[in-house]
Protein backbone atom coordinates (compact mmCIF):
# COMPACT_ATOMS: atom_id res chain seq x y z
CA MET A 1 -34.32 -7.89 -51.30
CA ASN A 2 -34.53 -4.42 -52.33
CA ALA A 3 -32.23 -1.58 -51.23
CA GLN A 4 -34.53 -0.39 -48.52
CA GLN A 5 -34.65 -3.89 -46.85
CA TRP A 6 -30.73 -4.16 -47.10
CA ALA A 7 -30.52 -0.75 -45.32
CA VAL A 8 -32.67 -1.91 -42.54
CA VAL A 9 -30.64 -5.08 -42.22
CA TRP A 10 -27.44 -3.10 -42.04
CA LEU A 11 -28.94 -0.64 -39.40
CA VAL A 12 -30.18 -3.50 -37.22
CA THR A 13 -26.72 -5.25 -37.39
CA GLY A 14 -24.96 -1.96 -36.63
CA VAL A 15 -27.38 -1.40 -33.66
CA VAL A 16 -26.83 -4.85 -32.31
CA ILE A 17 -22.96 -4.72 -32.73
CA SER A 18 -23.04 -1.19 -31.09
CA GLY A 19 -25.10 -2.59 -28.19
CA LEU A 20 -22.71 -5.61 -27.74
CA GLY A 21 -19.75 -3.16 -27.82
CA LEU A 22 -21.41 -0.95 -25.09
CA VAL A 23 -22.11 -4.05 -22.95
CA LEU A 24 -18.40 -5.00 -23.27
CA VAL A 25 -17.02 -1.54 -22.51
CA GLN A 26 -19.39 -1.31 -19.40
CA HIS A 27 -18.13 -4.93 -18.15
CA GLU A 28 -14.47 -3.75 -18.72
CA ARG A 29 -15.24 -0.43 -16.78
CA ARG A 30 -16.76 -2.28 -13.94
CA MET A 31 -13.94 -4.70 -13.80
CA ALA A 32 -11.38 -1.90 -13.66
CA PHE A 33 -13.48 -0.34 -10.85
CA VAL A 34 -13.24 -3.42 -8.86
CA GLU A 35 -9.49 -3.67 -9.51
CA LEU A 36 -9.14 -0.08 -8.45
CA GLN A 37 -11.09 -0.64 -5.19
CA ALA A 38 -8.87 -3.71 -4.32
CA GLU A 39 -5.81 -1.57 -5.03
CA ILE A 40 -7.04 1.22 -2.77
CA GLU A 41 -7.76 -1.28 -0.01
CA ARG A 42 -4.26 -2.84 -0.46
CA GLY A 43 -2.78 0.72 -0.13
CA ASP A 44 -4.75 1.26 3.19
CA GLU A 45 -3.25 -2.01 4.57
CA LEU A 46 0.23 -1.06 3.42
CA ARG A 47 -0.20 2.33 5.19
CA GLU A 48 -1.44 0.58 8.30
CA GLU A 49 1.50 -1.88 8.27
CA TRP A 50 3.86 1.10 7.78
CA SER A 51 2.55 2.69 10.84
CA MET A 52 2.87 -0.49 12.87
CA LEU A 53 6.44 -0.82 11.65
CA GLN A 54 7.30 2.70 12.72
CA LEU A 55 5.93 1.97 16.11
CA GLU A 56 8.15 -1.19 16.33
CA ILE A 57 11.21 0.88 15.17
CA GLY A 58 10.54 3.26 17.93
CA ALA A 59 10.30 0.43 20.46
CA TRP A 60 13.42 -1.31 19.31
CA ALA A 61 15.33 1.96 19.53
CA GLY A 62 13.96 3.01 22.83
CA HIS A 63 16.45 3.95 25.53
CA SER A 64 15.13 1.38 28.00
CA ARG A 65 15.61 -1.50 25.52
CA LEU A 66 19.12 -0.24 24.61
CA GLU A 67 20.03 -0.14 28.32
CA ARG A 68 18.62 -3.65 28.98
CA VAL A 69 20.47 -5.08 26.10
CA ALA A 70 23.82 -3.36 27.22
CA ARG A 71 23.28 -4.58 30.88
CA ASP A 72 21.97 -8.10 30.22
CA GLU A 73 23.47 -9.19 26.97
CA LEU A 74 26.66 -7.22 26.70
CA GLN A 75 27.47 -7.24 30.67
CA MET A 76 27.84 -3.49 30.51
CA GLN A 77 27.34 -1.45 33.66
CA PHE A 78 27.44 2.32 34.58
CA PRO A 79 31.00 3.40 35.68
CA GLU A 80 31.61 4.32 39.36
CA HIS A 81 31.77 7.99 40.26
CA GLY A 82 35.55 7.97 40.45
CA GLU A 83 35.82 6.32 37.07
CA VAL A 84 34.22 9.14 35.19
CA VAL A 85 36.61 11.57 33.47
CA ILE A 86 35.29 14.96 32.19
CA LEU A 87 37.22 16.45 29.35
CA GLU A 88 37.08 20.18 28.82
CA ARG A 89 37.36 21.83 25.41
CA ARG A 90 39.84 24.54 25.27
C-alpha cells in the first residue's frame, strides 16, 4: 500500500471512530435526560406530599381536635363561672 491508501484507511478509521463516539455521547445525553425527567417527576411528587403533610399538620393542631382530645381523653372540662379567677397586671 502506498501513502495515499494509508491516509484513506486512517481517515476512514477516524470517521468511524468519531461516528461511534458521537452515537455514544448522544446515548449518554438521552439517558441523562430520562434521569432528569424522572427526578423532576419525583420532585413534583415530594412537593405534593409536602402539601398534604402541611394540611395534616393543620388538621392535627386544629382547635376542635385539641378540645376533643382534652375533653374525651384527658377528661378535662370548662371551669364553672365561679371558678374563673381573673388576674390584673399592676
